[in-house]
Amino acid sequence: KKMKHTSLSATREKPKTASISTTTQLLSFYTQHPNEELTVDEFEILSLDRLQLLRGIDNINRTKGQNPTGAEEDIKEKEFMANKMKELERKHLLNKKDITKNFSDTKKDVIGHFILRLAYCKSEDLRRWFLTQEMCLFKYRLESVSNEERKAFMHENGLDFELVSYEEKMKKIDSLAPSNTIKEKTLQTEFYKVPFQQALSLVASRAVYLEKGFAYVPFNRLVSIIVSQFRANLSRALTDASNSFEVVSSDSRIAPLIKNMNKQFIGNDFSSSAKSIDKLSPDKVELAAELNMPLCMKNLQMHLKKEHKLKHWGRLQYGLFLKGAGLDMDDAQQFWEGHFSKLMSHDQFVKGYAYSFRHMYGKEGARKNYTPYSCMKIIMGTPPEAGAHHGCPYRHMSDGGLATLLNGLKLSTPDVKEIATLASGGNYQLACLRHFEVTHPGYQQMDLKLADSPANHPNQWFQMSVNYHKVKNGVSLAHGSQGSGNSGDVAFSATLKVESSMNSPPQSRESDGMSVPTHSEVDVNMEV
C-alpha cells in the first residue's frame, strides 16, 4: 500500500540533461539534507539500493591487494577497482527503471546516503563501516572527474588553497624536487599551499615539502586532503545523527527498516534450500561441519557434540543454517533428537523442543518461512552469555579462545596469526574470508557458480565450499550446485569417499520463543 509521505517536501525533479558529467553531479560532501516527499515504498527501495551499493564496495575492498604487487600491478588493480565501482553504480543507482524513476540520479544518491547515515549511526562499529564504504565511493568519484571539475568542486566546498606561483616554485625548486631529473616537470606542476593540519597524512609519509606551517602539495595529491575533509565532515555528521536517532526512528512507518537496516541481507537468503543447496541429511552433518562449514557453525557443531546441548540462540542460529543447507524438517527433528536423547527421553524432547524446530520451518505459530542468519546479523546480534556458543567467533571470542579454536583446525601458525590479527582489528568478515582462502586454495580460479563473497553469509560459505570440493574432484556443477535429489551424496562422497555416522549430543531445556526479524517481516510492517 502507499503511505502518506514521510518528511525527508519539495516537488520532484525529473532527471535533467546537464553539460557536466554524471560523476561530477554525484560528487558531494552531503552537507545539505534532502527535502523530498517519499512514499514508504520509495523510502525502502532507495535505502536498500544504497545498502547494496555500499556492500558491493565492501566486497571489492576485501579482494584488494591479495596478489603480489608492483608498480604495474598496482595500476592494473586500480583500473580493475574503478571498473567494478562503475558497474556497482550502474547497477544500483544510475537510470533505474523502478518506482523511483521520477527522481534524478543525484537525488536518489543523496536520499539514499542520508537514510543509510541515519540507519548506521547507532554504534561505533556501524559508523566505522558506513564511513569506510562512503569514503571509498567518494574517492572513486573524485578520482574519476577531470582536473577542472575537481577544482570547481573544491571551490564550491570552500577548499580554496593558495596556488604557488611560478616564481616561488623556482625559489624552492631544490626542496620541491630533490632530483634534477624531475625539476622541469615540477615547474610545470601546480602546487598549493595547504595548512599542515589538513595534510597530516602527507606530512607523516614525508610526501610533501613543509615550510612555516604550510605543506606544498602538488595538485594530484590533493585527493587525499579532500577525502580527509569528507571523512571528518561525515564522522561529525554521524555523531550528530546518533543523538537524534531515537526521535527519528520513533516514526512507526520507517522504524522497522531503520532499526534493522544493518541486518538486512540482500543476496540469496537460502530460504528455499531445495532450489539452491545440495541435500543435507542427518548422517552427513558432522562430515559437512568438518569440510564445508564456516567457523561459527563448526563451533556450534563441536559444542553440540561435546556438551549434548545448545542454548536458545545457538539452536536458532545453527538450526536455521542447517535448514538453509538442505536439512528438511523431518531430518532436522531426527538430527536434534539424536543429540538431545543423550540428556532426555523422547517425550521430554517432544514436549520441550519439537515445537520450536517445527516453528523454524514455518509449520507452527505465525507459519513464517524464517531465513538463515547472514554474517552481518550474526555479528551485530545478541552476544553469547556464559555457556552459550552462538555469534561470530571472530567478534565474540577472546583472542586466546579464537587462536585455540583455529589451531584445532590444523591451520599453520602464520595463517592462524594472520586470521587472529584481522579479527582483533575489527575486520571480522575479512578474517572469515581469509579462513576460506586458507582452507580452499585456488578457489578464485574456479567457476563455483556463486558470485557473492563467502564471508557475507554462512550458507554462502557452505555452498561455495561444497562446490569447491566438487570441482576439485572433477564433479560437474551443472547438476549438483543447484539441485536436490542425491546431489549431496555426490558432493560429500566425492570429497572423502566416506560417510560418517552421527554420534552426537543433546541439550538442556529452556524457553523456545521465536523472535526472528526477517526482511519479509519488515516488508509487512512497512506496508502499515
Protein backbone atom coordinates (compact mmCIF):
# COMPACT_ATOMS: atom_id res chain seq x y z
CA LYS A 1 0.00 0.00 0.00
CA LYS A 2 1.05 3.60 -0.48
CA MET A 3 1.64 5.59 2.65
CA LYS A 4 1.29 9.27 3.33
CA HIS A 5 4.61 10.86 2.66
CA THR A 6 7.48 10.80 5.05
CA SER A 7 9.29 14.01 5.70
CA LEU A 8 12.69 13.58 4.00
CA SER A 9 8.97 18.21 0.96
CA ALA A 10 9.61 19.79 -2.34
CA THR A 11 8.44 18.96 -5.80
CA ARG A 12 10.20 16.13 -7.56
CA GLU A 13 12.63 16.78 -10.29
CA LYS A 14 12.85 14.64 -13.37
CA PRO A 15 16.36 13.81 -14.48
CA LYS A 16 17.95 16.74 -16.28
CA THR A 17 20.37 16.72 -19.13
CA ALA A 18 23.45 18.58 -17.97
CA SER A 19 26.70 19.53 -19.56
CA ILE A 20 28.72 18.20 -16.64
CA SER A 21 29.34 14.50 -16.19
CA THR A 22 27.12 12.23 -14.11
CA THR A 23 30.02 11.53 -11.76
CA THR A 24 30.50 15.25 -11.14
CA GLN A 25 26.80 15.63 -10.33
CA LEU A 26 27.08 12.79 -7.81
CA LEU A 27 30.23 14.17 -6.18
CA SER A 28 29.09 15.63 -2.86
CA PHE A 29 30.06 16.31 0.74
CA TYR A 30 26.38 15.68 1.64
CA THR A 31 26.08 18.84 3.72
CA GLN A 32 22.53 19.68 2.58
CA HIS A 33 19.75 17.43 3.86
CA PRO A 34 17.23 16.29 1.22
CA ASN A 35 13.81 17.88 1.35
CA GLU A 36 11.59 15.46 -0.55
CA GLU A 37 8.23 13.73 -0.38
CA LEU A 38 8.57 9.94 -0.44
CA THR A 39 6.18 7.05 -0.15
CA VAL A 40 7.29 4.36 2.26
CA ASP A 41 7.90 2.03 -0.70
CA GLU A 42 10.23 4.60 -2.29
CA PHE A 43 11.95 5.14 1.05
CA GLU A 44 12.64 1.41 1.33
CA ILE A 45 13.82 0.95 -2.25
CA LEU A 46 16.21 3.92 -2.12
CA SER A 47 17.68 2.75 1.17
CA LEU A 48 18.18 -0.86 0.03
CA ASP A 49 19.71 0.30 -3.28
CA ARG A 50 22.25 2.32 -1.29
CA LEU A 51 22.87 -0.63 1.01
CA GLN A 52 23.59 -2.90 -1.95
CA LEU A 53 25.95 -0.30 -3.40
CA LEU A 54 27.93 0.01 -0.15
CA ARG A 55 28.05 -3.73 0.45
CA GLY A 56 29.29 -4.18 -3.09
CA ILE A 57 32.10 -1.74 -2.32
CA ASP A 58 32.87 -3.68 0.85
CA ASN A 59 33.18 -6.89 -1.17
CA ILE A 60 35.54 -5.19 -3.65
CA ASN A 61 37.74 -3.93 -0.82
CA ARG A 62 38.10 -7.43 0.60
CA THR A 63 39.78 -8.64 -2.58
CA LYS A 64 42.06 -5.62 -2.73
CA GLY A 65 45.79 -6.26 -2.52
CA GLN A 66 45.52 -10.05 -2.28
CA ASN A 67 48.00 -10.65 -5.10
CA PRO A 68 51.71 -9.70 -5.15
CA THR A 69 52.03 -6.14 -6.42
CA GLY A 70 54.49 -3.99 -8.23
CA ALA A 71 54.01 -0.63 -9.92
CA GLU A 72 52.40 -2.15 -13.00
CA GLU A 73 50.17 -4.48 -10.94
CA ASP A 74 49.08 -1.55 -8.77
CA ILE A 75 47.92 0.35 -11.85
CA LYS A 76 46.02 -2.68 -13.14
CA GLU A 77 44.38 -3.22 -9.75
CA LYS A 78 43.37 0.45 -9.58
CA GLU A 79 41.77 0.19 -13.03
CA PHE A 80 40.04 -3.04 -12.02
CA MET A 81 38.66 -1.42 -8.85
CA ALA A 82 37.43 1.62 -10.79
CA ASN A 83 35.63 -0.60 -13.32
CA LYS A 84 34.00 -2.57 -10.52
CA MET A 85 32.83 0.64 -8.81
CA LYS A 86 31.42 1.87 -12.11
CA GLU A 87 29.48 -1.39 -12.51
CA LEU A 88 28.07 -1.09 -8.99
CA GLU A 89 26.86 2.47 -9.59
CA ARG A 90 25.26 1.47 -12.88
CA LYS A 91 23.52 -1.48 -11.24
CA HIS A 92 22.27 0.09 -8.03
CA LEU A 93 21.88 3.79 -8.79
CA LEU A 94 22.01 5.09 -12.35
CA ASN A 95 18.88 5.24 -14.53
CA LYS A 96 16.97 2.57 -12.62
CA LYS A 97 13.50 1.86 -14.03
CA ASP A 98 11.61 1.21 -10.81
CA ILE A 99 9.15 3.29 -8.78
CA THR A 100 11.94 5.81 -8.04
CA LYS A 101 12.49 6.61 -11.74
CA ASN A 102 10.99 10.11 -11.37
CA PHE A 103 13.88 11.12 -9.12
CA SER A 104 17.12 12.23 -10.71
CA ASP A 105 20.17 10.06 -10.04
CA THR A 106 21.61 12.85 -7.92
CA LYS A 107 18.55 12.98 -5.69
CA LYS A 108 18.47 9.22 -5.34
CA ASP A 109 22.13 9.29 -4.35
CA VAL A 110 21.61 11.99 -1.71
CA ILE A 111 18.44 10.47 -0.26
CA GLY A 112 19.97 7.00 -0.08
CA HIS A 113 23.05 8.39 1.64
CA PHE A 114 21.06 10.20 4.33
CA ILE A 115 18.79 7.22 5.04
CA LEU A 116 21.82 4.95 5.48
CA ARG A 117 23.57 7.63 7.53
CA LEU A 118 20.67 7.52 9.98
CA ALA A 119 20.48 3.72 10.00
CA TYR A 120 24.23 3.31 10.59
CA CYS A 121 24.75 5.94 13.27
CA LYS A 122 23.68 3.75 16.19
CA SER A 123 27.03 2.25 17.22
CA GLU A 124 30.74 2.73 16.71
CA ASP A 125 31.05 -0.43 14.59
CA LEU A 126 28.21 0.61 12.30
CA ARG A 127 29.55 4.15 11.94
CA ARG A 128 33.02 2.85 11.10
CA TRP A 129 31.70 0.51 8.42
CA PHE A 130 29.48 3.17 6.82
CA LEU A 131 32.27 5.74 6.91
CA THR A 132 34.73 3.37 5.23
CA GLN A 133 32.42 2.48 2.33
CA GLU A 134 31.26 6.06 1.75
CA MET A 135 34.87 7.24 1.71
CA CYS A 136 35.72 4.65 -0.94
CA LEU A 137 32.76 5.75 -3.06
CA PHE A 138 33.66 9.43 -2.67
CA LYS A 139 37.32 8.82 -3.53
CA TYR A 140 36.36 6.85 -6.65
CA ARG A 141 34.12 9.68 -7.83
CA LEU A 142 36.72 12.33 -7.04
CA GLU A 143 39.40 10.49 -9.00
CA SER A 144 37.02 9.96 -11.94
CA VAL A 145 36.38 13.63 -12.70
CA SER A 146 38.58 15.97 -14.72
CA ASN A 147 41.02 18.39 -13.08
CA GLU A 148 38.77 21.35 -13.91
CA GLU A 149 35.75 19.63 -12.38
CA ARG A 150 37.79 18.79 -9.28
CA LYS A 151 38.86 22.43 -8.93
CA ALA A 152 35.23 23.56 -9.28
CA PHE A 153 34.19 21.11 -6.56
CA MET A 154 36.91 22.38 -4.24
CA HIS A 155 35.81 25.97 -4.79
CA GLU A 156 32.15 25.13 -4.16
CA ASN A 157 33.07 23.49 -0.84
CA GLY A 158 35.39 26.19 0.48
CA LEU A 159 38.66 24.38 -0.23
CA ASP A 160 40.33 27.40 -1.79
CA PHE A 161 44.01 26.74 -1.22
CA GLU A 162 46.61 29.26 -2.35
CA LEU A 163 48.22 28.44 -5.68
CA VAL A 164 52.04 28.56 -5.54
CA SER A 165 53.38 30.98 -8.14
CA TYR A 166 55.98 30.01 -10.73
CA GLU A 167 58.47 32.39 -9.12
CA GLU A 168 58.05 30.79 -5.69
CA LYS A 169 58.45 27.33 -7.22
CA MET A 170 61.73 28.47 -8.79
CA LYS A 171 63.00 29.63 -5.38
CA LYS A 172 62.05 26.37 -3.69
CA ILE A 173 62.79 24.01 -6.57
CA ASP A 174 65.52 22.14 -4.68
CA SER A 175 63.08 21.38 -1.86
CA LEU A 176 60.13 20.56 -4.11
CA ALA A 177 62.16 18.38 -6.48
CA PRO A 178 65.35 16.96 -4.91
CA SER A 179 66.13 15.07 -8.11
CA ASN A 180 67.41 17.07 -11.11
CA THR A 181 65.59 14.72 -13.49
CA ILE A 182 62.15 15.87 -12.33
CA LYS A 183 62.78 19.60 -11.79
CA GLU A 184 61.36 20.60 -15.17
CA LYS A 185 58.25 18.53 -14.57
CA THR A 186 57.91 20.05 -11.09
CA LEU A 187 57.93 23.58 -12.51
CA GLN A 188 55.04 22.61 -14.79
CA THR A 189 53.04 21.07 -11.92
CA GLU A 190 50.50 23.11 -9.96
CA PHE A 191 51.34 23.29 -6.25
CA TYR A 192 49.06 24.52 -3.49
CA LYS A 193 49.89 25.83 -0.03
CA VAL A 194 47.79 23.82 2.41
CA PRO A 195 47.74 24.33 6.20
CA PHE A 196 49.71 21.39 7.52
CA GLN A 197 46.84 20.33 9.84
CA GLN A 198 44.83 19.49 6.72
CA ALA A 199 47.65 17.45 5.19
CA LEU A 200 48.78 15.36 8.13
CA SER A 201 48.79 12.06 6.23
CA LEU A 202 51.04 13.54 3.54
CA VAL A 203 53.30 15.17 6.11
CA ALA A 204 53.57 11.92 8.09
CA SER A 205 54.63 10.00 4.99
CA ARG A 206 57.09 12.78 4.00
CA ALA A 207 55.29 13.10 0.68
CA VAL A 208 55.27 16.92 0.68
CA TYR A 209 57.56 19.83 1.46
CA LEU A 210 56.71 21.63 4.71
CA GLU A 211 57.56 25.26 5.49
CA LYS A 212 56.18 27.79 8.01
CA GLY A 213 53.08 25.75 8.77
CA PHE A 214 52.17 25.07 5.14
CA ALA A 215 52.51 21.91 3.09
CA TYR A 216 53.35 22.41 -0.58
CA VAL A 217 51.04 19.88 -2.20
CA PRO A 218 51.01 19.01 -5.92
CA PHE A 219 47.54 19.07 -7.44
CA ASN A 220 47.36 15.30 -7.94
CA ARG A 221 47.89 14.74 -4.21
CA LEU A 222 45.02 16.99 -3.17
CA VAL A 223 42.69 13.96 -3.46
CA SER A 224 43.84 12.63 -0.08
CA ILE A 225 43.24 16.02 1.55
CA ILE A 226 39.73 16.33 0.09
CA VAL A 227 38.94 12.74 1.14
CA SER A 228 40.19 13.51 4.67
CA GLN A 229 37.89 16.53 4.78
CA PHE A 230 34.99 14.33 3.63
CA ARG A 231 35.79 11.82 6.36
CA ALA A 232 35.94 14.48 9.07
CA ASN A 233 32.63 16.03 7.95
CA LEU A 234 30.85 12.68 7.76
CA SER A 235 32.25 11.50 11.08
CA ARG A 236 30.83 14.58 12.81
CA ALA A 237 27.52 14.17 10.98
CA LEU A 238 27.22 10.55 12.13
CA THR A 239 27.78 11.60 15.73
CA ASP A 240 25.09 14.29 15.39
CA ALA A 241 22.71 11.77 13.81
CA SER A 242 23.20 9.32 16.67
CA ASN A 243 21.99 11.97 19.13
CA SER A 244 18.64 12.24 17.34
CA PHE A 245 18.26 8.60 16.28
CA GLU A 246 15.63 7.69 18.87
CA VAL A 247 13.42 10.63 17.91
CA VAL A 248 13.56 9.99 14.16
CA SER A 249 13.21 6.22 14.47
CA SER A 250 10.06 6.60 16.57
CA ASP A 251 8.08 7.07 13.32
CA SER A 252 6.30 3.71 13.06
CA ARG A 253 6.28 3.86 9.24
CA ILE A 254 10.06 3.71 8.89
CA ALA A 255 11.21 2.45 12.29
CA PRO A 256 11.44 -1.29 11.40
CA LEU A 257 13.61 -0.62 8.36
CA ILE A 258 15.85 1.98 10.03
CA LYS A 259 16.43 -0.11 13.14
CA ASN A 260 17.19 -3.31 11.24
CA MET A 261 18.97 -1.92 8.18
CA ASN A 262 22.37 -3.32 9.13
CA LYS A 263 20.85 -6.80 9.48
CA GLN A 264 19.27 -6.81 6.04
CA PHE A 265 20.73 -9.50 3.81
CA ILE A 266 20.18 -8.71 0.14
CA GLY A 267 21.75 -11.71 -1.52
CA ASN A 268 20.35 -15.24 -1.68
CA ASP A 269 18.52 -15.72 1.64
CA PHE A 270 18.66 -19.54 1.35
CA SER A 271 15.00 -19.74 2.35
CA SER A 272 14.34 -22.43 -0.26
CA SER A 273 17.10 -24.99 0.14
CA ALA A 274 15.79 -27.44 -2.45
CA LYS A 275 16.35 -24.85 -5.19
CA SER A 276 19.80 -23.69 -4.19
CA ILE A 277 21.62 -26.12 -1.91
CA ASP A 278 22.77 -29.71 -2.03
CA LYS A 279 20.64 -32.09 0.06
CA LEU A 280 22.00 -32.43 3.58
CA SER A 281 20.95 -35.37 5.74
CA PRO A 282 21.46 -36.05 9.49
CA ASP A 283 24.21 -38.62 8.91
CA LYS A 284 26.25 -36.13 6.84
CA VAL A 285 26.11 -33.11 9.16
CA GLU A 286 29.29 -33.95 11.07
CA LEU A 287 31.25 -34.55 7.87
CA ALA A 288 29.86 -31.31 6.44
CA ALA A 289 30.94 -29.47 9.59
CA GLU A 290 34.48 -30.76 9.13
CA LEU A 291 34.72 -29.95 5.43
CA ASN A 292 32.29 -27.24 4.46
CA MET A 293 31.09 -25.11 7.38
CA PRO A 294 32.39 -21.69 8.43
CA LEU A 295 33.95 -21.30 11.86
CA CYS A 296 30.76 -20.07 13.56
CA MET A 297 28.88 -23.23 12.58
CA LYS A 298 31.85 -25.55 13.20
CA ASN A 299 31.98 -24.14 16.72
CA LEU A 300 28.27 -24.79 17.33
CA GLN A 301 28.51 -28.36 15.99
CA MET A 302 31.59 -29.01 18.12
CA HIS A 303 29.86 -27.89 21.33
CA LEU A 304 26.65 -29.70 20.40
CA LYS A 305 28.64 -32.92 20.09
CA LYS A 306 30.68 -32.31 23.22
CA GLU A 307 28.05 -30.94 25.62
CA HIS A 308 24.88 -32.52 24.19
CA LYS A 309 23.14 -29.12 24.26
CA LEU A 310 22.97 -25.63 22.78
CA LYS A 311 21.23 -22.67 24.34
CA HIS A 312 18.32 -20.92 22.64
CA TRP A 313 20.23 -18.53 20.35
CA GLY A 314 22.69 -21.27 19.42
CA ARG A 315 19.88 -23.61 18.42
CA LEU A 316 18.25 -20.85 16.42
CA GLN A 317 21.45 -19.82 14.60
CA TYR A 318 22.55 -23.39 13.85
CA GLY A 319 19.06 -24.73 13.16
CA LEU A 320 18.30 -22.10 10.53
CA PHE A 321 21.73 -22.63 8.97
CA LEU A 322 21.09 -26.36 8.63
CA LYS A 323 17.67 -25.58 7.18
CA GLY A 324 19.31 -23.40 4.53
CA ALA A 325 21.93 -26.10 3.92
CA GLY A 326 19.22 -28.53 2.86
CA LEU A 327 18.19 -30.33 6.06
CA ASP A 328 14.39 -30.72 5.79
CA MET A 329 12.06 -30.59 8.79
CA ASP A 330 11.74 -34.32 9.40
CA ASP A 331 15.50 -34.78 9.16
CA ALA A 332 16.02 -31.78 11.46
CA GLN A 333 13.76 -33.36 14.10
CA GLN A 334 15.74 -36.60 13.80
CA PHE A 335 19.07 -34.75 13.96
CA TRP A 336 18.25 -32.68 17.04
CA GLU A 337 16.55 -35.52 18.92
CA GLY A 338 19.54 -37.74 18.17
CA HIS A 339 21.69 -35.23 20.06
CA PHE A 340 19.25 -34.34 22.82
CA SER A 341 18.49 -38.00 23.57
CA LYS A 342 21.78 -38.17 25.50
CA LEU A 343 20.15 -35.98 28.15
CA MET A 344 16.41 -36.64 27.93
CA SER A 345 13.72 -39.02 26.83
CA HIS A 346 11.71 -38.85 23.60
CA ASP A 347 8.68 -37.48 25.46
CA GLN A 348 10.78 -34.74 27.09
CA PHE A 349 12.18 -33.72 23.70
CA VAL A 350 8.72 -33.59 22.11
CA LYS A 351 7.32 -31.57 25.00
CA GLY A 352 10.21 -29.15 25.41
CA TYR A 353 11.77 -28.69 21.95
CA ALA A 354 9.94 -30.22 19.00
CA TYR A 355 7.58 -27.25 18.65
CA SER A 356 10.44 -24.76 18.28
CA PHE A 357 12.09 -26.74 15.48
CA ARG A 358 8.78 -27.02 13.61
CA HIS A 359 8.40 -23.27 14.16
CA MET A 360 11.74 -22.65 12.39
CA TYR A 361 10.36 -24.39 9.33
CA GLY A 362 7.14 -22.34 9.34
CA LYS A 363 4.92 -25.23 10.49
CA GLU A 364 3.80 -23.66 13.78
CA GLY A 365 2.86 -20.25 15.16
CA ALA A 366 2.76 -17.49 12.55
CA ARG A 367 3.94 -20.04 9.93
CA LYS A 368 6.61 -17.73 8.59
CA ASN A 369 9.44 -19.00 6.41
CA TYR A 370 12.31 -18.00 8.68
CA THR A 371 15.59 -17.50 6.83
CA PRO A 372 19.14 -18.36 7.96
CA TYR A 373 21.14 -15.60 9.59
CA SER A 374 23.53 -13.57 7.44
CA CYS A 375 27.03 -12.72 8.69
CA MET A 376 26.03 -9.14 9.48
CA LYS A 377 23.05 -10.29 11.53
CA ILE A 378 25.23 -12.71 13.50
CA ILE A 379 27.96 -10.12 14.06
CA MET A 380 25.53 -7.44 15.23
CA GLY A 381 23.20 -9.84 17.07
CA THR A 382 22.89 -10.85 20.72
CA PRO A 383 26.38 -11.62 22.13
CA PRO A 384 26.80 -15.08 23.73
CA GLU A 385 26.46 -15.19 27.50
CA ALA A 386 28.31 -17.67 29.73
CA GLY A 387 27.80 -21.20 28.48
CA ALA A 388 26.44 -20.08 25.09
CA HIS A 389 28.29 -20.59 21.82
CA HIS A 390 26.35 -18.65 19.19
CA GLY A 391 27.54 -15.47 17.50
CA CYS A 392 30.63 -14.79 15.39
CA PRO A 393 33.85 -16.28 16.83
CA TYR A 394 35.91 -13.53 15.18
CA ARG A 395 33.94 -10.89 17.06
CA HIS A 396 32.71 -12.55 20.24
CA MET A 397 35.61 -14.81 21.25
CA SER A 398 38.67 -13.69 23.19
CA ASP A 399 41.95 -13.61 21.27
CA GLY A 400 43.13 -16.72 23.11
CA GLY A 401 39.88 -18.59 22.56
CA LEU A 402 39.90 -17.82 18.85
CA ALA A 403 43.52 -18.89 18.46
CA THR A 404 42.77 -22.18 20.27
CA LEU A 405 39.79 -22.84 18.02
CA LEU A 406 41.78 -22.12 14.85
CA ASN A 407 44.72 -24.23 15.99
CA GLY A 408 42.30 -27.11 16.48
CA LEU A 409 41.58 -26.96 12.74
CA LYS A 410 45.23 -27.76 11.99
CA LEU A 411 45.90 -24.45 10.27
CA SER A 412 49.51 -23.27 10.01
CA THR A 413 50.81 -20.91 12.68
CA PRO A 414 51.26 -17.98 10.24
CA ASP A 415 47.70 -18.45 8.96
CA VAL A 416 46.28 -18.57 12.48
CA LYS A 417 48.20 -15.42 13.38
CA GLU A 418 47.01 -13.58 10.26
CA ILE A 419 43.36 -14.51 10.82
CA ALA A 420 43.53 -13.61 14.52
CA THR A 421 45.16 -10.26 13.69
CA LEU A 422 42.36 -9.40 11.26
CA ALA A 423 39.75 -10.32 13.88
CA SER A 424 41.42 -8.33 16.67
CA GLY A 425 41.45 -5.32 14.34
CA GLY A 426 37.67 -5.47 13.94
CA ASN A 427 37.86 -6.97 10.43
CA TYR A 428 35.61 -9.91 11.26
CA GLN A 429 34.44 -10.71 7.74
CA LEU A 430 37.94 -10.31 6.34
CA ALA A 431 39.13 -12.84 8.92
CA CYS A 432 36.36 -15.21 7.82
CA LEU A 433 37.27 -14.69 4.17
CA ARG A 434 40.92 -15.41 4.94
CA HIS A 435 39.89 -18.65 6.66
CA PHE A 436 38.04 -19.66 3.48
CA GLU A 437 41.07 -18.80 1.32
CA VAL A 438 43.42 -20.83 3.51
CA THR A 439 41.18 -23.91 3.51
CA HIS A 440 40.17 -23.62 -0.15
CA PRO A 441 43.39 -22.72 -2.02
CA GLY A 442 42.88 -21.64 -5.62
CA TYR A 443 39.12 -21.13 -5.32
CA GLN A 444 39.34 -17.75 -7.09
CA GLN A 445 40.40 -19.52 -10.28
CA MET A 446 37.40 -21.89 -10.17
CA ASP A 447 33.94 -21.20 -11.54
CA LEU A 448 31.91 -22.00 -8.42
CA LYS A 449 28.64 -20.67 -9.89
CA LEU A 450 28.24 -18.22 -7.00
CA ALA A 451 29.00 -14.51 -7.31
CA ASP A 452 28.80 -13.34 -3.69
CA SER A 453 31.62 -13.42 -1.14
CA PRO A 454 31.73 -16.45 1.20
CA ALA A 455 32.11 -14.00 4.11
CA ASN A 456 28.65 -12.47 3.66
CA HIS A 457 26.53 -15.44 4.68
CA PRO A 458 27.36 -18.76 6.41
CA ASN A 459 25.25 -20.65 3.87
CA GLN A 460 27.13 -18.95 1.04
CA TRP A 461 30.37 -20.13 2.68
CA PHE A 462 28.94 -23.65 2.89
CA GLN A 463 27.71 -23.79 -0.71
CA MET A 464 30.96 -22.36 -2.11
CA SER A 465 32.89 -24.97 -0.12
CA VAL A 466 30.70 -27.81 -1.40
CA ASN A 467 31.12 -26.55 -4.98
CA TYR A 468 34.87 -26.14 -4.48
CA HIS A 469 35.30 -29.78 -3.48
CA LYS A 470 33.13 -30.91 -6.38
CA VAL A 471 35.26 -29.00 -8.89
CA LYS A 472 38.44 -30.20 -7.21
CA ASN A 473 37.28 -33.81 -7.56
CA GLY A 474 36.11 -33.41 -11.16
CA VAL A 475 32.37 -33.38 -10.43
CA SER A 476 30.29 -31.12 -12.67
CA LEU A 477 28.35 -28.32 -11.01
CA ALA A 478 25.69 -28.40 -13.70
CA HIS A 479 23.54 -30.79 -11.68
CA GLY A 480 24.69 -30.65 -8.10
CA SER A 481 25.18 -26.98 -7.37
CA GLN A 482 21.55 -26.05 -7.82
CA GLY A 483 19.83 -29.32 -7.25
CA SER A 484 18.30 -31.65 -4.77
CA GLY A 485 17.85 -35.37 -5.04
CA ASN A 486 21.09 -37.18 -4.27
CA SER A 487 23.44 -34.42 -5.37
CA GLY A 488 24.59 -34.12 -1.79
CA ASP A 489 25.79 -37.72 -1.93
CA VAL A 490 27.95 -36.77 -4.90
CA ALA A 491 29.30 -33.69 -3.13
CA PHE A 492 30.33 -35.33 0.10
CA SER A 493 31.38 -38.76 -1.17
CA ALA A 494 33.43 -37.19 -3.95
CA THR A 495 35.38 -35.33 -1.32
CA LEU A 496 36.34 -38.01 1.18
CA LYS A 497 34.85 -41.17 -0.37
CA VAL A 498 33.39 -41.95 3.03
CA GLU A 499 30.35 -41.09 5.08
CA SER A 500 30.38 -40.58 8.81
CA SER A 501 27.52 -41.56 11.09
CA MET A 502 26.34 -39.22 13.78
CA ASN A 503 27.16 -39.87 17.42
CA SER A 504 26.20 -36.51 18.80
CA PRO A 505 24.83 -34.67 21.82
CA PRO A 506 21.54 -33.18 23.15
CA GLN A 507 20.65 -30.21 25.23
CA SER A 508 19.08 -28.70 28.33
CA ARG A 509 15.52 -27.39 28.41
CA GLU A 510 14.72 -23.70 28.09
CA SER A 511 12.07 -21.40 26.72
CA ASP A 512 11.90 -21.56 22.94
CA GLY A 513 10.03 -18.42 21.95
CA MET A 514 10.99 -17.50 18.41
CA SER A 515 11.97 -13.93 17.63
CA VAL A 516 13.49 -13.71 14.16
CA PRO A 517 13.17 -10.32 12.42
CA THR A 518 13.38 -11.13 8.73
CA HIS A 519 13.27 -8.98 5.64
CA SER A 520 9.79 -10.24 4.81
CA GLU A 521 8.55 -9.18 8.23
CA VAL A 522 10.00 -5.72 7.72
CA ASP A 523 8.13 -5.51 4.42
CA VAL A 524 4.85 -6.30 6.16
CA ASN A 525 5.48 -3.73 8.86
CA MET A 526 6.43 -1.09 6.33
CA GLU A 527 3.15 -1.52 4.47
CA VAL A 528 1.15 -0.45 7.56
